[in-house]
Amino acid sequence: MSYTVIDSPIGLLTLVADDETDALRALYMVEHRHAPDASTFGPRLDRADADRVFGGVTAQLGEYFAGSRSAFDLPTAPVGTDFQLAVWQQLRAIPYGETRTYGEIALALGHPKAVRAVGLANGRNPLSIVVPCHRVIGASGAMTGFGGGVERKQWLLGLEKAQAVQPALFA
C-alpha cells in the first residue's frame, strides 16, 4: 500500500492505494473515527508518484466537490467481511442527493433485523464519499454518526441536495 494527502472543501483527505492494482483502498478524513494509524498505509508518495497513482481519484473528487459529478467510476479495493462488503455495495446504490435509513439498508440486504449490524458496517466503511455512507440516516431522519463527523456529513448531504435540485438550463 501507499498513500497521499490532498486538500478538499471538508479538510484534508488521506487516500490509500493498493499498490498491486492502483485501486483506491481507503479514503479517510482528518480525525476519522475508525481510520487505522497512518503507519499502516505504507509510504507517502511524492507528488509525481501520487499524481500517477491518485490522479483519477483526485480529479473525480474535484468534480464531486464542484457539483459536476454525482457518482464515482474508480477501481476500488476495500477490505472487510462479506457482510461489510454487502452493506458497502448497498451504499453505492443510494442515489445522489437522497438518503436511506439503516433499516432500509438492512431490508435491502434481506436481513431486516440487522439494523445495528448495518450501522456498524456503515461506520467501518473505508471509502467515505466514494462509497456514500454519509447518505445513511436514522429512522427518525436524524443525522446519526459519521466517521468524519456529523458536520461533514451535513455538508456533504447539503452539497448533494443543492446540486440534485438544480434545474437544467437547456433541457
C-alpha atoms as a PDB file:
ATOM      1  CA  MET A   1       0.000   0.000   0.000  1.00  0.00           C
ATOM      2  CA  SER A   2       0.925   3.653  -0.381  1.00  0.00           C
ATOM      3  CA  TYR A   3      -0.827   6.920   0.310  1.00  0.00           C
ATOM      4  CA  THR A   4      -1.081  10.627  -0.269  1.00  0.00           C
ATOM      5  CA  VAL A   5      -2.917  13.510   1.381  1.00  0.00           C
ATOM      6  CA  ILE A   6      -4.974  16.041  -0.566  1.00  0.00           C
ATOM      7  CA  ASP A   7      -6.914  19.141   0.400  1.00  0.00           C
ATOM      8  CA  SER A   8     -10.674  19.387  -0.042  1.00  0.00           C
ATOM      9  CA  PRO A   9     -13.546  21.670   0.988  1.00  0.00           C
ATOM     10  CA  ILE A  10     -14.086  19.428   4.050  1.00  0.00           C
ATOM     11  CA  GLY A  11     -10.426  19.335   5.082  1.00  0.00           C
ATOM     12  CA  LEU A  12      -7.510  17.063   4.339  1.00  0.00           C
ATOM     13  CA  LEU A  13      -8.264  13.649   2.862  1.00  0.00           C
ATOM     14  CA  THR A  14      -5.909  10.680   3.058  1.00  0.00           C
ATOM     15  CA  LEU A  15      -6.056   8.429   0.003  1.00  0.00           C
ATOM     16  CA  VAL A  16      -4.662   4.897   0.301  1.00  0.00           C
ATOM     17  CA  ALA A  17      -3.901   2.741  -2.751  1.00  0.00           C
ATOM     18  CA  ASP A  18      -3.463  -0.969  -3.227  1.00  0.00           C
ATOM     19  CA  ASP A  19      -0.063  -0.979  -4.941  1.00  0.00           C
ATOM     20  CA  GLU A  20      -0.698  -4.164  -6.899  1.00  0.00           C
ATOM     21  CA  THR A  21      -3.747  -2.767  -8.680  1.00  0.00           C
ATOM     22  CA  ASP A  22      -3.544   1.004  -8.064  1.00  0.00           C
ATOM     23  CA  ALA A  23      -7.137   0.669  -6.828  1.00  0.00           C
ATOM     24  CA  LEU A  24      -8.341   3.013  -4.104  1.00  0.00           C
ATOM     25  CA  ARG A  25      -8.317   1.047  -0.870  1.00  0.00           C
ATOM     26  CA  ALA A  26      -9.330   3.803   1.547  1.00  0.00           C
ATOM     27  CA  LEU A  27     -10.274   7.461   1.844  1.00  0.00           C
ATOM     28  CA  TYR A  28     -10.125   8.948   5.331  1.00  0.00           C
ATOM     29  CA  MET A  29     -10.882  12.425   6.618  1.00  0.00           C
ATOM     30  CA  VAL A  30      -8.974  14.241   9.336  1.00  0.00           C
ATOM     31  CA  GLU A  31      -9.902  12.771  12.718  1.00  0.00           C
ATOM     32  CA  HIS A  32     -11.792   9.954  11.004  1.00  0.00           C
ATOM     33  CA  ARG A  33     -13.241   7.837  13.792  1.00  0.00           C
ATOM     34  CA  HIS A  34     -12.236   4.378  12.525  1.00  0.00           C
ATOM     35  CA  ALA A  35      -9.138   5.194  10.489  1.00  0.00           C
ATOM     36  CA  PRO A  36      -6.154   2.995  11.226  1.00  0.00           C
ATOM     37  CA  ASP A  37      -2.833   4.536  12.143  1.00  0.00           C
ATOM     38  CA  ALA A  38      -1.151   6.122   9.103  1.00  0.00           C
ATOM     39  CA  SER A  39       1.894   3.928   9.667  1.00  0.00           C
ATOM     40  CA  THR A  40      -0.171   1.045   8.230  1.00  0.00           C
ATOM     41  CA  PHE A  41      -0.657   2.834   4.874  1.00  0.00           C
ATOM     42  CA  GLY A  42       2.848   2.236   3.565  1.00  0.00           C
ATOM     43  CA  PRO A  43       4.995   5.049   2.188  1.00  0.00           C
ATOM     44  CA  ARG A  44       3.650   8.502   1.428  1.00  0.00           C
ATOM     45  CA  LEU A  45       4.148   9.108  -2.285  1.00  0.00           C
ATOM     46  CA  ASP A  46       5.967  12.119  -3.672  1.00  0.00           C
ATOM     47  CA  ARG A  47       3.957  14.433  -5.901  1.00  0.00           C
ATOM     48  CA  ALA A  48       4.820  12.763  -9.234  1.00  0.00           C
ATOM     49  CA  ASP A  49       4.017   9.249  -7.999  1.00  0.00           C
ATOM     50  CA  ALA A  50       0.901  10.490  -6.198  1.00  0.00           C
ATOM     51  CA  ASP A  51      -0.329  12.115  -9.419  1.00  0.00           C
ATOM     52  CA  ARG A  52       0.260   8.861 -11.302  1.00  0.00           C
ATOM     53  CA  VAL A  53      -1.476   6.646  -8.729  1.00  0.00           C
ATOM     54  CA  PHE A  54      -4.186   9.000  -7.469  1.00  0.00           C
ATOM     55  CA  GLY A  55      -4.736  11.351 -10.433  1.00  0.00           C
ATOM     56  CA  GLY A  56      -8.095   9.815 -11.364  1.00  0.00           C
ATOM     57  CA  VAL A  57      -9.265   9.849  -7.762  1.00  0.00           C
ATOM     58  CA  THR A  58      -8.331  13.469  -7.177  1.00  0.00           C
ATOM     59  CA  ALA A  59      -9.930  14.517 -10.480  1.00  0.00           C
ATOM     60  CA  GLN A  60     -13.203  12.771  -9.647  1.00  0.00           C
ATOM     61  CA  LEU A  61     -13.224  14.132  -6.092  1.00  0.00           C
ATOM     62  CA  GLY A  62     -12.659  17.623  -7.505  1.00  0.00           C
ATOM     63  CA  GLU A  63     -15.614  17.177  -9.849  1.00  0.00           C
ATOM     64  CA  TYR A  64     -17.751  15.859  -6.981  1.00  0.00           C
ATOM     65  CA  PHE A  65     -16.935  18.845  -4.751  1.00  0.00           C
ATOM     66  CA  ALA A  66     -17.579  21.205  -7.688  1.00  0.00           C
ATOM     67  CA  GLY A  67     -21.032  19.672  -8.085  1.00  0.00           C
ATOM     68  CA  SER A  68     -20.412  18.215 -11.541  1.00  0.00           C
ATOM     69  CA  ARG A  69     -20.039  14.538 -10.545  1.00  0.00           C
ATOM     70  CA  SER A  70     -22.771  12.511  -8.861  1.00  0.00           C
ATOM     71  CA  ALA A  71     -21.154   9.051  -8.991  1.00  0.00           C
ATOM     72  CA  PHE A  72     -17.617   7.721  -8.879  1.00  0.00           C
ATOM     73  CA  ASP A  73     -16.126   5.459 -11.514  1.00  0.00           C
ATOM     74  CA  LEU A  74     -12.949   4.285  -9.827  1.00  0.00           C
ATOM     75  CA  PRO A  75     -11.287   0.947  -9.229  1.00  0.00           C
ATOM     76  CA  THR A  76     -11.657   0.271  -5.510  1.00  0.00           C
ATOM     77  CA  ALA A  77     -10.332  -2.447  -3.219  1.00  0.00           C
ATOM     78  CA  PRO A  78     -11.969  -2.104   0.206  1.00  0.00           C
ATOM     79  CA  VAL A  79     -11.137  -4.743   2.785  1.00  0.00           C
ATOM     80  CA  GLY A  80     -13.909  -6.056   5.022  1.00  0.00           C
ATOM     81  CA  THR A  81     -16.061  -9.008   5.948  1.00  0.00           C
ATOM     82  CA  ASP A  82     -18.583 -10.422   3.491  1.00  0.00           C
ATOM     83  CA  PHE A  83     -21.363  -8.621   5.385  1.00  0.00           C
ATOM     84  CA  GLN A  84     -19.493  -5.307   5.357  1.00  0.00           C
ATOM     85  CA  LEU A  85     -18.813  -5.619   1.633  1.00  0.00           C
ATOM     86  CA  ALA A  86     -22.529  -6.308   1.035  1.00  0.00           C
ATOM     87  CA  VAL A  87     -23.503  -3.228   3.066  1.00  0.00           C
ATOM     88  CA  TRP A  88     -20.982  -1.078   1.210  1.00  0.00           C
ATOM     89  CA  GLN A  89     -22.388  -2.319  -2.096  1.00  0.00           C
ATOM     90  CA  GLN A  90     -25.869  -1.222  -0.948  1.00  0.00           C
ATOM     91  CA  LEU A  91     -24.479   2.207  -0.082  1.00  0.00           C
ATOM     92  CA  ARG A  92     -23.315   2.611  -3.673  1.00  0.00           C
ATOM     93  CA  ALA A  93     -26.921   2.074  -4.791  1.00  0.00           C
ATOM     94  CA  ILE A  94     -28.232   5.106  -2.861  1.00  0.00           C
ATOM     95  CA  PRO A  95     -28.875   7.797  -5.483  1.00  0.00           C
ATOM     96  CA  TYR A  96     -27.013  11.087  -5.325  1.00  0.00           C
ATOM     97  CA  GLY A  97     -28.894  13.646  -3.249  1.00  0.00           C
ATOM     98  CA  GLU A  98     -31.026  11.009  -1.496  1.00  0.00           C
ATOM     99  CA  THR A  99     -30.791   9.233   1.828  1.00  0.00           C
ATOM    100  CA  ARG A 100     -31.718   5.832   3.203  1.00  0.00           C
ATOM    101  CA  THR A 101     -32.152   4.610   6.747  1.00  0.00           C
ATOM    102  CA  TYR A 102     -30.164   1.827   8.342  1.00  0.00           C
ATOM    103  CA  GLY A 103     -33.389  -0.201   8.381  1.00  0.00           C
ATOM    104  CA  GLU A 104     -33.903   0.272   4.650  1.00  0.00           C
ATOM    105  CA  ILE A 105     -30.363  -0.965   4.005  1.00  0.00           C
ATOM    106  CA  ALA A 106     -30.932  -3.991   6.259  1.00  0.00           C
ATOM    107  CA  LEU A 107     -34.186  -4.770   4.439  1.00  0.00           C
ATOM    108  CA  ALA A 108     -32.486  -4.455   1.034  1.00  0.00           C
ATOM    109  CA  LEU A 109     -29.893  -6.977   2.221  1.00  0.00           C
ATOM    110  CA  GLY A 110     -32.646  -9.401   3.228  1.00  0.00           C
ATOM    111  CA  HIS A 111     -31.808  -9.063   6.927  1.00  0.00           C
ATOM    112  CA  PRO A 112     -34.452  -6.674   8.301  1.00  0.00           C
ATOM    113  CA  LYS A 113     -33.368  -7.210  11.915  1.00  0.00           C
ATOM    114  CA  ALA A 114     -29.712  -6.433  11.195  1.00  0.00           C
ATOM    115  CA  VAL A 115     -30.120  -2.669  11.605  1.00  0.00           C
ATOM    116  CA  ARG A 116     -27.384  -2.379  14.233  1.00  0.00           C
ATOM    117  CA  ALA A 117     -25.000  -4.555  12.192  1.00  0.00           C
ATOM    118  CA  VAL A 118     -25.660  -2.328   9.168  1.00  0.00           C
ATOM    119  CA  GLY A 119     -24.806   0.697  11.305  1.00  0.00           C
ATOM    120  CA  LEU A 120     -21.551  -0.885  12.430  1.00  0.00           C
ATOM    121  CA  ALA A 121     -20.600  -1.826   8.858  1.00  0.00           C
ATOM    122  CA  ASN A 122     -21.535   1.647   7.658  1.00  0.00           C
ATOM    123  CA  GLY A 123     -19.270   3.166  10.297  1.00  0.00           C
ATOM    124  CA  ARG A 124     -16.356   0.969   9.176  1.00  0.00           C
ATOM    125  CA  ASN A 125     -16.642   1.979   5.515  1.00  0.00           C
ATOM    126  CA  PRO A 126     -13.055   2.697   4.438  1.00  0.00           C
ATOM    127  CA  LEU A 127     -14.100   4.614   1.309  1.00  0.00           C
ATOM    128  CA  SER A 128     -16.019   7.608   2.632  1.00  0.00           C
ATOM    129  CA  ILE A 129     -17.559   9.831  -0.039  1.00  0.00           C
ATOM    130  CA  VAL A 130     -16.775   7.341  -2.839  1.00  0.00           C
ATOM    131  CA  VAL A 131     -18.946   4.751  -1.086  1.00  0.00           C
ATOM    132  CA  PRO A 132     -21.541   7.219   0.226  1.00  0.00           C
ATOM    133  CA  CYS A 133     -22.028   6.215   3.861  1.00  0.00           C
ATOM    134  CA  HIS A 134     -22.978   9.846   4.537  1.00  0.00           C
ATOM    135  CA  ARG A 135     -26.306   9.142   2.788  1.00  0.00           C
ATOM    136  CA  VAL A 136     -27.478   6.874   5.623  1.00  0.00           C
ATOM    137  CA  ILE A 137     -29.566   8.478   8.364  1.00  0.00           C
ATOM    138  CA  GLY A 138     -31.525   7.383  11.405  1.00  0.00           C
ATOM    139  CA  ALA A 139     -35.105   6.107  11.147  1.00  0.00           C
ATOM    140  CA  SER A 140     -36.358   9.424  12.543  1.00  0.00           C
ATOM    141  CA  GLY A 141     -34.481  11.345   9.845  1.00  0.00           C
ATOM    142  CA  ALA A 142     -31.851  12.436  12.352  1.00  0.00           C
ATOM    143  CA  MET A 143     -28.227  12.875  11.366  1.00  0.00           C
ATOM    144  CA  THR A 144     -26.516   9.995  13.090  1.00  0.00           C
ATOM    145  CA  GLY A 145     -22.831   9.262  13.499  1.00  0.00           C
ATOM    146  CA  PHE A 146     -20.367   9.615  10.667  1.00  0.00           C
ATOM    147  CA  GLY A 147     -16.699   8.644  10.747  1.00  0.00           C
ATOM    148  CA  GLY A 148     -15.684  12.115   9.587  1.00  0.00           C
ATOM    149  CA  GLY A 149     -18.051  13.924  11.972  1.00  0.00           C
ATOM    150  CA  VAL A 150     -21.701  14.924  11.698  1.00  0.00           C
ATOM    151  CA  GLU A 151     -20.756  18.413  10.463  1.00  0.00           C
ATOM    152  CA  ARG A 152     -19.050  16.910   7.400  1.00  0.00           C
ATOM    153  CA  LYS A 153     -21.994  14.577   6.849  1.00  0.00           C
ATOM    154  CA  GLN A 154     -24.363  17.560   6.837  1.00  0.00           C
ATOM    155  CA  TRP A 155     -22.045  19.451   4.467  1.00  0.00           C
ATOM    156  CA  LEU A 156     -21.862  16.523   2.008  1.00  0.00           C
ATOM    157  CA  LEU A 157     -25.638  15.995   2.076  1.00  0.00           C
ATOM    158  CA  GLY A 158     -26.178  19.733   1.609  1.00  0.00           C
ATOM    159  CA  LEU A 159     -23.850  19.759  -1.409  1.00  0.00           C
ATOM    160  CA  GLU A 160     -25.689  16.850  -2.989  1.00  0.00           C
ATOM    161  CA  LYS A 161     -29.194  18.118  -2.274  1.00  0.00           C
ATOM    162  CA  ALA A 162     -28.335  21.547  -3.688  1.00  0.00           C
ATOM    163  CA  GLN A 163     -26.967  20.010  -6.886  1.00  0.00           C
ATOM    164  CA  ALA A 164     -29.734  17.410  -7.209  1.00  0.00           C
ATOM    165  CA  VAL A 165     -32.441  20.101  -7.334  1.00  0.00           C
ATOM    166  CA  GLN A 166     -30.695  22.378  -9.838  1.00  0.00           C
ATOM    167  CA  PRO A 167     -32.962  22.806 -12.863  1.00  0.00           C
ATOM    168  CA  ALA A 168     -31.475  22.021 -16.240  1.00  0.00           C
ATOM    169  CA  LEU A 169     -30.902  25.225 -18.222  1.00  0.00           C
ATOM    170  CA  PHE A 170     -31.296  23.616 -21.620  1.00  0.00           C
ATOM    171  CA  ALA A 171     -33.385  20.515 -21.112  1.00  0.00           C
END
